[in-house]
Amino acid sequence: MTKRRLQSLPVRLASLPSRLVTFDSGDRGRSQASPWRKRYKTARWYALRLRIFARDGYRCQWPGCGRIESNTSLLVADHRTAHRGDERLFWDEANIQTLCKPCHDGAKQRAEQRGRSR
């Protein structure tokens, strides 16, 4: 039995076209489509969300949940009525509630997609 040496394969990756798809707006994507999103990165918003968490006792306000969470990174300050850029609704404390991440990312999103925002 003769031994053969494995020959190296030609490198062809560089010649292949990219199959990645990008947004027309580049990296700006969602923030350019919704300029109000920058409000979520302000000190005013961070202070407001902490006030809302304290007001609600760090308890999820979704019906049937009531989970208490001391780790605020696992809580969401959620707008009851979607503000869609309306500054008055965005900052209205009566329009904001505390939700745990699972309720916000699951039940609340499904309800909004069905058009049944509470």
Protein backbone atom coordinates (compact mmCIF):
# COMPACT_ATOMS: atom_id res chain seq x y z
CA MET A 1 0.00 0.00 0.00
CA THR A 2 1.48 3.32 -1.04
CA LYS A 3 1.07 6.37 1.10
CA ARG A 4 -0.17 9.53 -0.54
CA ARG A 5 0.26 13.00 0.77
CA LEU A 6 -2.79 15.15 1.18
CA GLN A 7 -2.56 18.07 -1.18
CA SER A 8 -3.80 21.43 -0.01
CA LEU A 9 -7.11 22.62 -1.38
CA PRO A 10 -7.22 25.89 -3.30
CA VAL A 11 -8.50 28.88 -1.36
CA ARG A 12 -11.71 30.00 -3.03
CA LEU A 13 -13.45 31.98 -0.33
CA ALA A 14 -12.13 35.31 -1.54
CA SER A 15 -13.73 34.82 -4.94
CA LEU A 16 -17.20 33.98 -3.57
CA PRO A 17 -19.77 36.78 -3.50
CA SER A 18 -21.08 37.81 -0.09
CA ARG A 19 -24.45 36.33 0.84
CA LEU A 20 -24.98 38.80 3.65
CA VAL A 21 -27.87 41.20 3.28
CA THR A 22 -27.71 44.67 4.79
CA PHE A 23 -30.29 47.35 5.43
CA ASP A 24 -30.40 50.17 2.92
CA SER A 25 -29.80 52.60 5.78
CA GLY A 26 -26.62 50.82 6.87
CA ASP A 27 -25.84 50.68 10.58
CA ARG A 28 -28.37 53.37 11.43
CA GLY A 29 -31.31 51.02 10.73
CA ARG A 30 -33.94 51.28 13.49
CA SER A 31 -32.67 54.53 15.01
CA GLN A 32 -32.93 56.38 11.71
CA ALA A 33 -36.37 54.92 11.00
CA SER A 34 -37.47 55.93 14.53
CA PRO A 35 -35.47 58.97 15.66
CA TRP A 36 -37.21 59.03 19.07
CA ARG A 37 -35.28 55.84 20.01
CA LYS A 38 -32.36 58.03 21.12
CA ARG A 39 -34.47 59.10 24.12
CA TYR A 40 -33.94 55.65 25.62
CA LYS A 41 -30.22 56.41 26.00
CA THR A 42 -30.65 59.60 28.04
CA ALA A 43 -30.00 60.13 31.75
CA ARG A 44 -33.58 61.41 32.03
CA TRP A 45 -34.96 58.06 30.77
CA TYR A 46 -32.71 56.00 33.08
CA ALA A 47 -33.84 58.07 36.08
CA LEU A 48 -37.49 57.76 35.05
CA ARG A 49 -37.33 53.98 34.62
CA LEU A 50 -35.79 53.61 38.10
CA ARG A 51 -38.61 55.76 39.57
CA ILE A 52 -41.17 53.54 37.81
CA PHE A 53 -39.52 50.37 39.16
CA ALA A 54 -39.54 51.78 42.71
CA ARG A 55 -43.15 52.98 42.35
CA ASP A 56 -44.22 49.48 41.25
CA GLY A 57 -42.18 47.81 44.00
CA TYR A 58 -39.93 46.09 41.41
CA ARG A 59 -42.94 43.89 40.64
CA CYS A 60 -44.09 42.90 37.15
CA GLN A 61 -47.46 44.51 36.46
CA TRP A 62 -48.56 41.99 33.82
CA PRO A 63 -51.80 40.27 34.95
CA GLY A 64 -51.07 36.90 36.48
CA CYS A 65 -47.32 37.44 36.86
CA GLY A 66 -46.39 39.71 39.77
CA ARG A 67 -42.76 38.57 39.73
CA ILE A 68 -40.52 40.64 42.01
CA GLU A 69 -37.05 41.22 40.57
CA SER A 70 -34.24 43.03 42.39
CA ASN A 71 -31.96 42.94 39.32
CA THR A 72 -33.17 45.92 37.29
CA SER A 73 -31.47 44.62 34.14
CA LEU A 74 -34.18 41.94 34.12
CA LEU A 75 -36.97 44.55 34.25
CA VAL A 76 -38.42 46.72 31.48
CA ALA A 77 -40.07 50.12 31.83
CA ASP A 78 -42.87 49.52 29.34
CA HIS A 79 -45.22 52.05 27.76
CA ARG A 80 -48.81 50.89 28.27
CA THR A 81 -49.94 52.87 25.23
CA ALA A 82 -47.40 52.94 22.41
CA HIS A 83 -46.05 56.49 22.13
CA ARG A 84 -44.91 56.22 18.47
CA GLY A 85 -42.76 59.31 18.94
CA ASP A 86 -45.32 61.37 20.90
CA GLU A 87 -43.12 63.06 23.50
CA ARG A 88 -46.01 63.63 25.91
CA LEU A 89 -46.83 59.90 25.98
CA PHE A 90 -43.16 58.95 26.10
CA TRP A 91 -42.48 60.81 29.36
CA ASP A 92 -45.93 60.28 30.99
CA GLU A 93 -45.31 58.27 34.18
CA ALA A 94 -48.92 57.10 34.23
CA ASN A 95 -48.30 55.50 30.81
CA ILE A 96 -45.29 53.47 31.99
CA GLN A 97 -45.37 50.20 33.89
CA THR A 98 -42.81 47.70 35.17
CA LEU A 99 -42.67 44.38 33.35
CA CYS A 100 -40.25 41.49 33.74
CA LYS A 101 -38.31 40.67 30.57
CA PRO A 102 -40.19 37.39 29.90
CA CYS A 103 -43.59 39.15 30.06
CA HIS A 104 -42.41 42.13 28.00
CA ASP A 105 -40.70 40.05 25.35
CA GLY A 106 -43.41 37.39 25.24
CA ALA A 107 -46.96 38.06 26.37
CA LYS A 108 -46.89 41.85 25.84
CA GLN A 109 -45.41 41.57 22.34
CA ARG A 110 -47.95 38.92 21.32
CA ALA A 111 -50.79 41.11 22.65
CA GLU A 112 -49.49 44.14 20.71
CA GLN A 113 -49.14 42.11 17.51
CA ARG A 114 -52.77 41.03 17.89
CA GLY A 115 -53.71 44.67 18.39
CA ARG A 116 -54.77 44.22 21.99
CA SER A 117 -52.49 46.58 23.84
CA ARG A 118 -53.85 46.90 27.39
